[in-house]
Amino acid sequence: MKHMLELALDTFGDITDGTDGKPLHAAQVIRNLVDEAVLADDVGVDAIGVGEHHRADFAVSAPEIVLAAIASRTRRIRLGSAVTVLSSDDPIRVFQRFSTIDAISNGRAEVILGRGSFVESFPLFGLDLKQYEELFNEKLDLFAAVLKEQPVTWQGALRPPLNDQSVYPKTESGHLTTWIGVGGTPQSVMRAAHYGMPMMLAIIGGDPQRFVPFADLYRRALKEMGKPELPVGVHSHGYVAETDAQAREELFTDYKRMRDKIGAERGWPPMSRADFEREIAHGSLYVGSPETVARKIAGTIKMFDLARFTMKYSAGPLSHTKAMRCIELYGRKVMPLVREMVG
């Protein structure tokens, strides 16, 4: 079964700089993000994802509320998280919030479940980081049970059991699209296959080719488990401007600031201009003119046989004005070119 190709965007609601070069208040960043999503809807982008973080450099800690605001101002774009940190949330509340967005948006909601690459939510919500694996596995199991939209009888180790418990509101269609975000371990791939959920690969550095075995493993596992073929998606960073030189110039400083800040926490060396150029040429940065970005996206789609490609267009302090121009070029120019190239 061939899945219809979707071309999407996502953002973590990065705290951007204003025209004076100073960081905007998170409140303004959230309002700008809603405007960005409205533009994405206008220019034909298929889906938009909003990330969840609990730290000073990102404005969004409650993506569902932002998505509900976007739902009320858009017509056709699909609305998802990027990702929902299920380990530090309540699976029943997550389902309820997304089934509510689904109602507001006439069936456009979807959720991408993940463990998140940041861990601030664990101490914030009183959870033990030592239970990182256990929390995700158990909560995913409960979420999968709730997704059936039938009374839930379920038992785990970390919360009291449920006995014939109904969860409301149900979705109108009886189905909430749920992806699992995978960072690149065979266990995560097998987990997505086991629950029969589409898989979103987060490829944020290095040659995308390295991740192809994960897509192959996922498809093989689905087949062996007797499950239908399911969509595979890829999420990577990118930026579009009128020319290659302009895109690189406009992005470099802000992308470096974002990456070096996170890198300092994680023990990565600062990123040089040569690293940046190498990542554009051979890695997972989709940066350049519409033609350049479209060619690279089309190559990745063919490499993985993707059902969805998602480009994270926000990059640390990169301004709202530049983000808007990037979204417009992505929708009006990159997407038609990609569809032409993929055939």
C-alpha atoms as a PDB file:
ATOM      1  CA  MET A   1       0.000   0.000   0.000  1.00  0.00           C
ATOM      2  CA  LYS A   2       1.506   3.297  -1.103  1.00  0.00           C
ATOM      3  CA  HIS A   3       0.955   6.125   1.368  1.00  0.00           C
ATOM      4  CA  MET A   4       0.243   9.604   0.050  1.00  0.00           C
ATOM      5  CA  LEU A   5       3.358  11.783   0.388  1.00  0.00           C
ATOM      6  CA  GLU A   6       2.994  14.544   2.980  1.00  0.00           C
ATOM      7  CA  LEU A   7       5.349  17.505   3.313  1.00  0.00           C
ATOM      8  CA  ALA A   8       5.290  19.052   6.744  1.00  0.00           C
ATOM      9  CA  LEU A   9       6.938  21.635   8.991  1.00  0.00           C
ATOM     10  CA  ASP A  10       7.613  21.746  12.680  1.00  0.00           C
ATOM     11  CA  THR A  11       8.845  24.138  15.320  1.00  0.00           C
ATOM     12  CA  PHE A  12       9.780  23.975  18.978  1.00  0.00           C
ATOM     13  CA  GLY A  13       8.624  27.543  19.544  1.00  0.00           C
ATOM     14  CA  ASP A  14      12.259  28.617  19.899  1.00  0.00           C
ATOM     15  CA  ILE A  15      12.667  31.988  21.644  1.00  0.00           C
ATOM     16  CA  THR A  16      13.393  34.304  18.712  1.00  0.00           C
ATOM     17  CA  ASP A  17      15.027  37.714  18.565  1.00  0.00           C
ATOM     18  CA  GLY A  18      12.993  40.820  17.816  1.00  0.00           C
ATOM     19  CA  THR A  19      13.961  43.586  15.395  1.00  0.00           C
ATOM     20  CA  ASP A  20      16.148  45.137  18.140  1.00  0.00           C
ATOM     21  CA  GLY A  21      18.214  41.918  18.376  1.00  0.00           C
ATOM     22  CA  LYS A  22      16.869  41.161  21.871  1.00  0.00           C
ATOM     23  CA  PRO A  23      14.938  37.959  22.702  1.00  0.00           C
ATOM     24  CA  LEU A  24      11.157  38.318  22.467  1.00  0.00           C
ATOM     25  CA  HIS A  25       8.918  37.420  25.394  1.00  0.00           C
ATOM     26  CA  ALA A  26       7.637  33.829  25.226  1.00  0.00           C
ATOM     27  CA  ALA A  27       4.078  35.197  24.947  1.00  0.00           C
ATOM     28  CA  GLN A  28       4.946  37.009  21.701  1.00  0.00           C
ATOM     29  CA  VAL A  29       6.784  33.950  20.379  1.00  0.00           C
ATOM     30  CA  ILE A  30       3.643  31.841  20.919  1.00  0.00           C
ATOM     31  CA  ARG A  31       1.452  34.404  19.120  1.00  0.00           C
ATOM     32  CA  ASN A  32       3.973  34.497  16.250  1.00  0.00           C
ATOM     33  CA  LEU A  33       3.993  30.693  16.098  1.00  0.00           C
ATOM     34  CA  VAL A  34       0.212  30.666  15.594  1.00  0.00           C
ATOM     35  CA  ASP A  35       0.635  33.151  12.720  1.00  0.00           C
ATOM     36  CA  GLU A  36       3.350  30.920  11.222  1.00  0.00           C
ATOM     37  CA  ALA A  37       0.992  27.934  11.284  1.00  0.00           C
ATOM     38  CA  VAL A  38      -1.793  29.983   9.665  1.00  0.00           C
ATOM     39  CA  LEU A  39       0.617  30.902   6.848  1.00  0.00           C
ATOM     40  CA  ALA A  40       1.648  27.238   6.502  1.00  0.00           C
ATOM     41  CA  ASP A  41      -2.029  26.344   6.078  1.00  0.00           C
ATOM     42  CA  ASP A  42      -2.477  29.110   3.480  1.00  0.00           C
ATOM     43  CA  VAL A  43       0.488  27.961   1.354  1.00  0.00           C
ATOM     44  CA  GLY A  44      -0.564  24.301   1.329  1.00  0.00           C
ATOM     45  CA  VAL A  45       1.763  22.662   3.890  1.00  0.00           C
ATOM     46  CA  ASP A  46       0.280  19.260   4.799  1.00  0.00           C
ATOM     47  CA  ALA A  47       1.006  19.183   8.535  1.00  0.00           C
ATOM     48  CA  ILE A  48       2.579  21.249  11.293  1.00  0.00           C
ATOM     49  CA  GLY A  49       4.142  19.919  14.482  1.00  0.00           C
ATOM     50  CA  VAL A  50       4.701  21.872  17.693  1.00  0.00           C
ATOM     51  CA  GLY A  51       7.297  20.664  20.198  1.00  0.00           C
ATOM     52  CA  GLU A  52       7.080  20.443  23.989  1.00  0.00           C
ATOM     53  CA  HIS A  53       9.898  21.749  26.197  1.00  0.00           C
ATOM     54  CA  HIS A  54      10.232  23.017  29.746  1.00  0.00           C
ATOM     55  CA  ARG A  55      13.211  25.356  29.508  1.00  0.00           C
ATOM     56  CA  ALA A  56      14.068  29.007  28.910  1.00  0.00           C
ATOM     57  CA  ASP A  57      15.020  28.760  25.220  1.00  0.00           C
ATOM     58  CA  PHE A  58      11.645  27.376  24.018  1.00  0.00           C
ATOM     59  CA  ALA A  59       8.259  29.031  24.497  1.00  0.00           C
ATOM     60  CA  VAL A  60       5.960  26.014  24.251  1.00  0.00           C
ATOM     61  CA  SER A  61       5.383  23.745  27.237  1.00  0.00           C
ATOM     62  CA  ALA A  62       1.731  22.989  26.379  1.00  0.00           C
ATOM     63  CA  PRO A  63       1.643  22.205  22.636  1.00  0.00           C
ATOM     64  CA  GLU A  64      -1.988  21.062  22.713  1.00  0.00           C
ATOM     65  CA  ILE A  65      -3.200  24.530  23.713  1.00  0.00           C
ATOM     66  CA  VAL A  66      -1.157  26.135  20.932  1.00  0.00           C
ATOM     67  CA  LEU A  67      -2.515  23.542  18.473  1.00  0.00           C
ATOM     68  CA  ALA A  68      -6.079  24.277  19.574  1.00  0.00           C
ATOM     69  CA  ALA A  69      -5.495  27.973  18.853  1.00  0.00           C
ATOM     70  CA  ILE A  70      -4.072  27.050  15.441  1.00  0.00           C
ATOM     71  CA  ALA A  71      -7.041  24.723  14.790  1.00  0.00           C
ATOM     72  CA  SER A  72      -9.500  27.572  15.181  1.00  0.00           C
ATOM     73  CA  ARG A  73      -7.666  29.691  12.569  1.00  0.00           C
ATOM     74  CA  THR A  74      -6.856  27.057   9.916  1.00  0.00           C
ATOM     75  CA  ARG A  75      -8.831  24.942   7.466  1.00  0.00           C
ATOM     76  CA  ARG A  76      -6.899  21.925   6.259  1.00  0.00           C
ATOM     77  CA  ILE A  77      -3.422  21.543   7.756  1.00  0.00           C
ATOM     78  CA  ARG A  78      -2.919  18.534  10.057  1.00  0.00           C
ATOM     79  CA  LEU A  79      -1.976  19.455  13.628  1.00  0.00           C
ATOM     80  CA  GLY A  80       0.461  17.437  15.703  1.00  0.00           C
ATOM     81  CA  SER A  81       3.010  17.482  18.487  1.00  0.00           C
ATOM     82  CA  ALA A  82       6.748  17.254  17.888  1.00  0.00           C
ATOM     83  CA  VAL A  83       6.944  15.410  20.277  1.00  0.00           C
ATOM     84  CA  THR A  84       4.656  14.834  23.262  1.00  0.00           C
ATOM     85  CA  VAL A  85       6.949  13.709  26.095  1.00  0.00           C
ATOM     86  CA  LEU A  86       4.779  10.790  27.172  1.00  0.00           C
ATOM     87  CA  SER A  87       7.178   9.616  29.913  1.00  0.00           C
ATOM     88  CA  SER A  88       6.387  12.680  32.048  1.00  0.00           C
ATOM     89  CA  ASP A  89       2.693  13.026  31.174  1.00  0.00           C
ATOM     90  CA  ASP A  90      -0.501  11.115  31.833  1.00  0.00           C
ATOM     91  CA  PRO A  91      -1.497   8.949  28.847  1.00  0.00           C
ATOM     92  CA  ILE A  92      -5.224   9.395  29.504  1.00  0.00           C
ATOM     93  CA  ARG A  93      -4.927  13.187  29.669  1.00  0.00           C
ATOM     94  CA  VAL A  94      -2.796  13.200  26.507  1.00  0.00           C
ATOM     95  CA  PHE A  95      -5.517  11.277  24.656  1.00  0.00           C
ATOM     96  CA  GLN A  96      -8.242  13.573  26.018  1.00  0.00           C
ATOM     97  CA  ARG A  97      -6.384  16.725  24.996  1.00  0.00           C
ATOM     98  CA  PHE A  98      -5.715  15.459  21.475  1.00  0.00           C
ATOM     99  CA  SER A  99      -9.227  14.073  20.956  1.00  0.00           C
ATOM    100  CA  THR A 100     -10.435  17.578  21.951  1.00  0.00           C
ATOM    101  CA  ILE A 101      -8.135  19.187  19.339  1.00  0.00           C
ATOM    102  CA  ASP A 102      -9.469  16.605  16.884  1.00  0.00           C
ATOM    103  CA  ALA A 103     -13.006  17.858  17.590  1.00  0.00           C
ATOM    104  CA  ILE A 104     -12.083  21.546  17.271  1.00  0.00           C
ATOM    105  CA  SER A 105     -10.217  20.924  13.999  1.00  0.00           C
ATOM    106  CA  ASN A 106     -12.708  18.547  12.336  1.00  0.00           C
ATOM    107  CA  GLY A 107     -10.447  15.500  12.559  1.00  0.00           C
ATOM    108  CA  ARG A 108      -7.025  17.053  11.844  1.00  0.00           C
ATOM    109  CA  ALA A 109      -5.255  16.153  15.098  1.00  0.00           C
ATOM    110  CA  GLU A 110      -2.407  13.706  15.468  1.00  0.00           C
ATOM    111  CA  VAL A 111       0.114  12.995  18.177  1.00  0.00           C
ATOM    112  CA  ILE A 112       3.780  12.048  17.964  1.00  0.00           C
ATOM    113  CA  LEU A 113       4.794  10.268  21.143  1.00  0.00           C
ATOM    114  CA  GLY A 114       8.402  10.284  22.248  1.00  0.00           C
ATOM    115  CA  ARG A 115      10.745  10.294  25.188  1.00  0.00           C
ATOM    116  CA  GLY A 116      12.088  13.713  24.247  1.00  0.00           C
ATOM    117  CA  SER A 117      15.779  14.532  24.020  1.00  0.00           C
ATOM    118  CA  PHE A 118      15.592  16.924  27.000  1.00  0.00           C
ATOM    119  CA  VAL A 119      14.913  15.753  30.548  1.00  0.00           C
ATOM    120  CA  GLU A 120      13.728  18.941  32.342  1.00  0.00           C
ATOM    121  CA  SER A 121      10.170  17.593  32.590  1.00  0.00           C
ATOM    122  CA  PHE A 122      11.203  14.734  34.926  1.00  0.00           C
ATOM    123  CA  PRO A 123      12.225  16.760  38.018  1.00  0.00           C
ATOM    124  CA  LEU A 124       9.545  19.360  37.180  1.00  0.00           C
ATOM    125  CA  PHE A 125       6.761  16.783  37.511  1.00  0.00           C
ATOM    126  CA  GLY A 126       8.375  14.841  40.352  1.00  0.00           C
ATOM    127  CA  LEU A 127       9.518  11.851  38.299  1.00  0.00           C
ATOM    128  CA  ASP A 128      12.655   9.787  38.731  1.00  0.00           C
ATOM    129  CA  LEU A 129      15.017   9.948  35.760  1.00  0.00           C
ATOM    130  CA  LYS A 130      16.233   6.477  36.706  1.00  0.00           C
ATOM    131  CA  GLN A 131      12.831   5.210  35.515  1.00  0.00           C
ATOM    132  CA  TYR A 132      13.278   6.837  32.060  1.00  0.00           C
ATOM    133  CA  GLU A 133      12.752   3.541  30.158  1.00  0.00           C
ATOM    134  CA  GLU A 134      10.155   2.055  32.463  1.00  0.00           C
ATOM    135  CA  LEU A 135       7.987   5.202  32.460  1.00  0.00           C
ATOM    136  CA  PHE A 136       7.890   5.403  28.673  1.00  0.00           C
ATOM    137  CA  ASN A 137       7.233   1.702  28.123  1.00  0.00           C
ATOM    138  CA  GLU A 138       4.392   1.518  30.615  1.00  0.00           C
ATOM    139  CA  LYS A 139       2.748   4.780  29.579  1.00  0.00           C
ATOM    140  CA  LEU A 140       2.950   3.842  25.908  1.00  0.00           C
ATOM    141  CA  ASP A 141       1.267   0.532  26.701  1.00  0.00           C
ATOM    142  CA  LEU A 142      -1.592   2.360  28.458  1.00  0.00           C
ATOM    143  CA  PHE A 143      -1.876   4.931  25.651  1.00  0.00           C
ATOM    144  CA  ALA A 144      -2.143   2.106  23.089  1.00  0.00           C
ATOM    145  CA  ALA A 145      -4.993   0.609  25.141  1.00  0.00           C
ATOM    146  CA  VAL A 146      -6.814   3.983  25.351  1.00  0.00           C
ATOM    147  CA  LEU A 147      -6.390   4.500  21.571  1.00  0.00           C
ATOM    148  CA  LYS A 148      -8.802   1.634  20.883  1.00  0.00           C
ATOM    149  CA  GLU A 149     -11.558   3.936  22.219  1.00  0.00           C
ATOM    150  CA  GLN A 150     -13.144   1.022  24.092  1.00  0.00           C
ATOM    151  CA  PRO A 151     -13.498   0.586  27.888  1.00  0.00           C
ATOM    152  CA  VAL A 152      -9.951   0.044  29.234  1.00  0.00           C
ATOM    153  CA  THR A 153      -8.924  -2.758  31.559  1.00  0.00           C
ATOM    154  CA  TRP A 154      -5.207  -2.400  32.146  1.00  0.00           C
ATOM    155  CA  GLN A 155      -2.550  -3.016  34.757  1.00  0.00           C
ATOM    156  CA  GLY A 156       1.008  -1.728  35.174  1.00  0.00           C
ATOM    157  CA  ALA A 157       3.592  -1.216  37.896  1.00  0.00           C
ATOM    158  CA  LEU A 158       3.657   2.593  38.171  1.00  0.00           C
ATOM    159  CA  ARG A 159      -0.017   3.502  38.626  1.00  0.00           C
ATOM    160  CA  PRO A 160      -3.175   1.861  39.954  1.00  0.00           C
ATOM    161  CA  PRO A 161      -4.935  -0.487  37.491  1.00  0.00           C
ATOM    162  CA  LEU A 162      -7.928   0.470  35.372  1.00  0.00           C
ATOM    163  CA  ASN A 163     -10.988  -1.729  35.228  1.00  0.00           C
ATOM    164  CA  ASP A 164     -13.509  -1.306  32.401  1.00  0.00           C
ATOM    165  CA  GLN A 165     -12.835   2.442  32.377  1.00  0.00           C
ATOM    166  CA  SER A 166     -14.104   4.578  29.490  1.00  0.00           C
ATOM    167  CA  VAL A 167     -12.139   7.644  28.346  1.00  0.00           C
ATOM    168  CA  TYR A 168     -13.873  10.727  26.896  1.00  0.00           C
ATOM    169  CA  PRO A 169     -14.215  12.480  24.528  1.00  0.00           C
ATOM    170  CA  LYS A 170     -13.844   9.860  21.857  1.00  0.00           C
ATOM    171  CA  THR A 171     -12.807  11.005  18.380  1.00  0.00           C
ATOM    172  CA  GLU A 172     -15.509  11.413  15.746  1.00  0.00           C
ATOM    173  CA  SER A 173     -13.725   9.024  13.370  1.00  0.00           C
ATOM    174  CA  GLY A 174     -12.846   6.496  16.085  1.00  0.00           C
ATOM    175  CA  HIS A 175      -9.156   6.900  15.254  1.00  0.00           C
ATOM    176  CA  LEU A 176      -6.491   9.314  16.500  1.00  0.00           C
ATOM    177  CA  THR A 177      -3.398   9.184  14.287  1.00  0.00           C
ATOM    178  CA  THR A 178      -0.475   8.383  16.583  1.00  0.00           C
ATOM    179  CA  TRP A 179       3.175   8.271  15.516  1.00  0.00           C
ATOM    180  CA  ILE A 180       6.145   7.167  17.590  1.00  0.00           C
ATOM    181  CA  GLY A 181       9.184   9.419  17.392  1.00  0.00           C
ATOM    182  CA  VAL A 182      12.390   7.390  17.130  1.00  0.00           C
ATOM    183  CA  GLY A 183      15.890   8.743  17.682  1.00  0.00           C
ATOM    184  CA  GLY A 184      17.735   5.728  16.336  1.00  0.00           C
ATOM    185  CA  THR A 185      17.748   2.580  18.455  1.00  0.00           C
ATOM    186  CA  PRO A 186      16.524  -0.820  17.228  1.00  0.00           C
ATOM    187  CA  GLN A 187      14.444  -1.148  20.445  1.00  0.00           C
ATOM    188  CA  SER A 188      12.496   2.039  19.631  1.00  0.00           C
ATOM    189  CA  VAL A 189      11.898   0.795  16.089  1.00  0.00           C
ATOM    190  CA  MET A 190      10.590  -2.554  17.346  1.00  0.00           C
ATOM    191  CA  ARG A 191       8.365  -0.768  19.861  1.00  0.00           C
ATOM    192  CA  ALA A 192       6.719   1.269  17.069  1.00  0.00           C
ATOM    193  CA  ALA A 193       6.160  -1.925  15.060  1.00  0.00           C
ATOM    194  CA  HIS A 194       4.808  -3.834  18.094  1.00  0.00           C
ATOM    195  CA  TYR A 195       2.090  -1.226  18.700  1.00  0.00           C
ATOM    196  CA  GLY A 196       1.386  -0.828  14.984  1.00  0.00           C
ATOM    197  CA  MET A 197       2.087   2.912  15.001  1.00  0.00           C
ATOM    198  CA  PRO A 198       3.683   4.929  12.170  1.00  0.00           C
ATOM    199  CA  MET A 199       7.350   5.766  12.833  1.00  0.00           C
ATOM    200  CA  MET A 200       8.913   9.235  12.706  1.00  0.00           C
ATOM    201  CA  LEU A 201      12.729   9.175  12.548  1.00  0.00           C
ATOM    202  CA  ALA A 202      14.424  12.230  14.040  1.00  0.00           C
ATOM    203  CA  ILE A 203      17.602  12.733  11.986  1.00  0.00           C
ATOM    204  CA  ILE A 204      19.326  15.815  13.323  1.00  0.00           C
ATOM    205  CA  GLY A 205      22.922  15.237  12.280  1.00  0.00           C
ATOM    206  CA  GLY A 206      25.116  13.198   9.972  1.00  0.00           C
ATOM    207  CA  ASP A 207      24.330  11.315   6.779  1.00  0.00           C
ATOM    208  CA  PRO A 208      20.624  10.303   6.642  1.00  0.00           C
ATOM    209  CA  GLN A 209      21.726   7.071   4.914  1.00  0.00           C
ATOM    210  CA  ARG A 210      22.792   5.735   8.348  1.00  0.00           C
ATOM    211  CA  PHE A 211      19.132   5.556   9.353  1.00  0.00           C
ATOM    212  CA  VAL A 212      17.894   3.528   6.369  1.00  0.00           C
ATOM    213  CA  PRO A 213      18.446   0.201   8.239  1.00  0.00           C
ATOM    214  CA  PHE A 214      15.953   1.387  10.877  1.00  0.00           C
ATOM    215  CA  ALA A 215      13.270   1.918   8.227  1.00  0.00           C
ATOM    216  CA  ASP A 216      14.080  -1.530   6.787  1.00  0.00           C
ATOM    217  CA  LEU A 217      13.907  -3.134  10.252  1.00  0.00           C
ATOM    218  CA  TYR A 218      10.556  -1.460  10.953  1.00  0.00           C
ATOM    219  CA  ARG A 219       9.000  -2.669   7.693  1.00  0.00           C
ATOM    220  CA  ARG A 220      10.381  -6.173   8.179  1.00  0.00           C
ATOM    221  CA  ALA A 221       9.068  -6.309  11.752  1.00  0.00           C
ATOM    222  CA  LEU A 222       5.585  -5.171  10.693  1.00  0.00           C
ATOM    223  CA  LYS A 223       5.522  -7.889   8.053  1.00  0.00           C
ATOM    224  CA  GLU A 224       6.672 -10.599  10.471  1.00  0.00           C
ATOM    225  CA  MET A 225       4.062  -9.480  13.007  1.00  0.00           C
ATOM    226  CA  GLY A 226       1.356  -9.714  10.344  1.00  0.00           C
ATOM    227  CA  LYS A 227       0.616  -5.980  10.549  1.00  0.00           C
ATOM    228  CA  PRO A 228      -0.221  -3.737   7.573  1.00  0.00           C
ATOM    229  CA  GLU A 229       2.414  -1.449   6.037  1.00  0.00           C
ATOM    230  CA  LEU A 230       2.534   1.840   7.921  1.00  0.00           C
ATOM    231  CA  PRO A 231       3.939   5.297   7.133  1.00  0.00           C
ATOM    232  CA  VAL A 232       7.579   6.165   7.831  1.00  0.00           C
ATOM    233  CA  GLY A 233       8.506   9.817   8.302  1.00  0.00           C
ATOM    234  CA  VAL A 234      11.719  11.793   8.759  1.00  0.00           C
ATOM    235  CA  HIS A 235      12.180  15.006  10.756  1.00  0.00           C
ATOM    236  CA  SER A 236      15.275  17.155  10.080  1.00  0.00           C
ATOM    237  CA  HIS A 237      16.316  20.788  10.347  1.00  0.00           C
ATOM    238  CA  GLY A 238      16.233  23.116   7.367  1.00  0.00           C
ATOM    239  CA  TYR A 239      15.846  26.636   6.054  1.00  0.00           C
ATOM    240  CA  VAL A 240      14.828  28.066   2.679  1.00  0.00           C
ATOM    241  CA  ALA A 241      15.729  31.477   1.209  1.00  0.00           C
ATOM    242  CA  GLU A 242      15.866  32.850  -2.344  1.00  0.00           C
ATOM    243  CA  THR A 243      19.415  31.624  -2.994  1.00  0.00           C
ATOM    244  CA  ASP A 244      21.820  29.088  -1.493  1.00  0.00           C
ATOM    245  CA  ALA A 245      24.208  31.825  -0.334  1.00  0.00           C
ATOM    246  CA  GLN A 246      21.422  33.841   1.297  1.00  0.00           C
ATOM    247  CA  ALA A 247      20.021  30.795   3.115  1.00  0.00           C
ATOM    248  CA  ARG A 248      23.444  29.862   4.528  1.00  0.00           C
ATOM    249  CA  GLU A 249      24.250  33.432   5.534  1.00  0.00           C
ATOM    250  CA  GLU A 250      20.890  34.027   7.218  1.00  0.00           C
ATOM    251  CA  LEU A 251      20.848  30.739   9.107  1.00  0.00           C
ATOM    252  CA  PHE A 252      24.429  30.181  10.240  1.00  0.00           C
ATOM    253  CA  THR A 253      24.731  32.539  13.226  1.00  0.00           C
ATOM    254  CA  ASP A 254      21.343  31.654  14.742  1.00  0.00           C
ATOM    255  CA  TYR A 255      21.687  27.925  14.096  1.00  0.00           C
ATOM    256  CA  LYS A 256      25.170  27.954  15.650  1.00  0.00           C
ATOM    257  CA  ARG A 257      23.898  29.827  18.713  1.00  0.00           C
ATOM    258  CA  MET A 258      21.128  27.265  19.245  1.00  0.00           C
ATOM    259  CA  ARG A 259      23.359  24.247  18.624  1.00  0.00           C
ATOM    260  CA  ASP A 260      26.262  25.493  20.738  1.00  0.00           C
ATOM    261  CA  LYS A 261      23.964  26.280  23.679  1.00  0.00           C
ATOM    262  CA  ILE A 262      22.545  22.748  23.684  1.00  0.00           C
ATOM    263  CA  GLY A 263      25.978  21.338  22.855  1.00  0.00           C
ATOM    264  CA  ALA A 264      27.518  22.991  25.925  1.00  0.00           C
ATOM    265  CA  GLU A 265      25.020  21.053  28.081  1.00  0.00           C
ATOM    266  CA  ARG A 266      25.701  17.784  26.272  1.00  0.00           C
ATOM    267  CA  GLY A 267      29.441  17.954  25.795  1.00  0.00           C
ATOM    268  CA  TRP A 268      29.545  18.669  22.043  1.00  0.00           C
ATOM    269  CA  PRO A 269      32.299  20.956  20.716  1.00  0.00           C
ATOM    270  CA  PRO A 270      31.172  24.317  19.259  1.00  0.00           C
ATOM    271  CA  MET A 271      30.081  24.132  15.614  1.00  0.00           C
ATOM    272  CA  SER A 272      32.423  25.700  13.057  1.00  0.00           C
ATOM    273  CA  ARG A 273      31.393  27.169   9.712  1.00  0.00           C
ATOM    274  CA  ALA A 274      33.044  24.143   8.050  1.00  0.00           C
ATOM    275  CA  ASP A 275      30.888  21.767  10.183  1.00  0.00           C
ATOM    276  CA  PHE A 276      27.790  23.731   9.131  1.00  0.00           C
ATOM    277  CA  GLU A 277      28.712  23.603   5.423  1.00  0.00           C
ATOM    278  CA  ARG A 278      29.493  19.880   5.681  1.00  0.00           C
ATOM    279  CA  GLU A 279      26.125  19.171   7.314  1.00  0.00           C
ATOM    280  CA  ILE A 280      24.392  21.002   4.435  1.00  0.00           C
ATOM    281  CA  ALA A 281      26.433  19.196   1.766  1.00  0.00           C
ATOM    282  CA  HIS A 282      26.415  15.657   3.185  1.00  0.00           C
ATOM    283  CA  GLY A 283      24.364  15.627   6.373  1.00  0.00           C
ATOM    284  CA  SER A 284      20.887  16.364   7.672  1.00  0.00           C
ATOM    285  CA  LEU A 285      20.590  20.125   7.160  1.00  0.00           C
ATOM    286  CA  TYR A 286      18.220  21.046   4.314  1.00  0.00           C
ATOM    287  CA  VAL A 287      19.402  24.573   3.591  1.00  0.00           C
ATOM    288  CA  GLY A 288      19.401  26.627   0.401  1.00  0.00           C
ATOM    289  CA  SER A 289      17.253  27.904  -2.440  1.00  0.00           C
ATOM    290  CA  PRO A 290      13.892  26.193  -3.101  1.00  0.00           C
ATOM    291  CA  GLU A 291      15.510  24.082  -5.860  1.00  0.00           C
ATOM    292  CA  THR A 292      18.433  22.973  -3.663  1.00  0.00           C
ATOM    293  CA  VAL A 293      16.220  22.090  -0.690  1.00  0.00           C
ATOM    294  CA  ALA A 294      13.669  20.318  -2.901  1.00  0.00           C
ATOM    295  CA  ARG A 295      16.399  18.182  -4.506  1.00  0.00           C
ATOM    296  CA  LYS A 296      17.756  17.138  -1.128  1.00  0.00           C
ATOM    297  CA  ILE A 297      14.294  16.390   0.327  1.00  0.00           C
ATOM    298  CA  ALA A 298      13.347  14.369  -2.772  1.00  0.00           C
ATOM    299  CA  GLY A 299      16.564  12.355  -2.381  1.00  0.00           C
ATOM    300  CA  THR A 300      15.741  11.554   1.239  1.00  0.00           C
ATOM    301  CA  ILE A 301      12.145  10.610   0.384  1.00  0.00           C
ATOM    302  CA  LYS A 302      13.361   8.144  -2.264  1.00  0.00           C
ATOM    303  CA  MET A 303      16.109   6.788   0.012  1.00  0.00           C
ATOM    304  CA  PHE A 304      13.610   5.849   2.734  1.00  0.00           C
ATOM    305  CA  ASP A 305      10.401   5.531   0.659  1.00  0.00           C
ATOM    306  CA  LEU A 306       8.880   8.104   3.014  1.00  0.00           C
ATOM    307  CA  ALA A 307       5.228   8.917   3.566  1.00  0.00           C
ATOM    308  CA  ARG A 308       6.155  12.210   5.263  1.00  0.00           C
ATOM    309  CA  PHE A 309       9.110  14.580   5.378  1.00  0.00           C
ATOM    310  CA  THR A 310       9.055  17.223   8.115  1.00  0.00           C
ATOM    311  CA  MET A 311      11.427  20.174   8.169  1.00  0.00           C
ATOM    312  CA  LYS A 312      12.052  22.011  11.443  1.00  0.00           C
ATOM    313  CA  TYR A 313      12.144  25.599  10.260  1.00  0.00           C
ATOM    314  CA  SER A 314      12.764  27.316  13.614  1.00  0.00           C
ATOM    315  CA  ALA A 315      16.400  27.725  14.688  1.00  0.00           C
ATOM    316  CA  GLY A 316      17.002  29.354  18.036  1.00  0.00           C
ATOM    317  CA  PRO A 317      16.870  33.167  17.730  1.00  0.00           C
ATOM    318  CA  LEU A 318      16.135  33.110  13.944  1.00  0.00           C
ATOM    319  CA  SER A 319      13.577  35.902  13.477  1.00  0.00           C
ATOM    320  CA  HIS A 320       9.833  35.475  12.930  1.00  0.00           C
ATOM    321  CA  THR A 321      10.123  37.464   9.663  1.00  0.00           C
ATOM    322  CA  LYS A 322      12.699  35.020   8.266  1.00  0.00           C
ATOM    323  CA  ALA A 323      10.676  32.041   9.470  1.00  0.00           C
ATOM    324  CA  MET A 324       7.592  33.401   7.655  1.00  0.00           C
ATOM    325  CA  ARG A 325       9.542  33.828   4.401  1.00  0.00           C
ATOM    326  CA  CYS A 326      10.946  30.310   4.772  1.00  0.00           C
ATOM    327  CA  ILE A 327       7.436  28.854   5.296  1.00  0.00           C
ATOM    328  CA  GLU A 328       6.135  30.681   2.234  1.00  0.00           C
ATOM    329  CA  LEU A 329       8.972  29.415   0.020  1.00  0.00           C
ATOM    330  CA  TYR A 330       8.588  25.880   1.393  1.00  0.00           C
ATOM    331  CA  GLY A 331       4.860  25.779   0.621  1.00  0.00           C
ATOM    332  CA  ARG A 332       4.784  27.650  -2.664  1.00  0.00           C
ATOM    333  CA  LYS A 333       8.062  26.496  -4.256  1.00  0.00           C
ATOM    334  CA  VAL A 334       9.763  23.593  -2.459  1.00  0.00           C
ATOM    335  CA  MET A 335       6.698  21.348  -2.141  1.00  0.00           C
ATOM    336  CA  PRO A 336       5.618  21.453  -5.818  1.00  0.00           C
ATOM    337  CA  LEU A 337       9.221  20.795  -6.898  1.00  0.00           C
ATOM    338  CA  VAL A 338       9.555  17.824  -4.506  1.00  0.00           C
ATOM    339  CA  ARG A 339       6.316  16.270  -5.767  1.00  0.00           C
ATOM    340  CA  GLU A 340       7.546  16.692  -9.354  1.00  0.00           C
ATOM    341  CA  MET A 341      10.921  15.103  -8.535  1.00  0.00           C
ATOM    342  CA  VAL A 342       9.468  12.183  -6.604  1.00  0.00           C
ATOM    343  CA  GLY A 343       6.884  11.520  -9.319  1.00  0.00           C
END
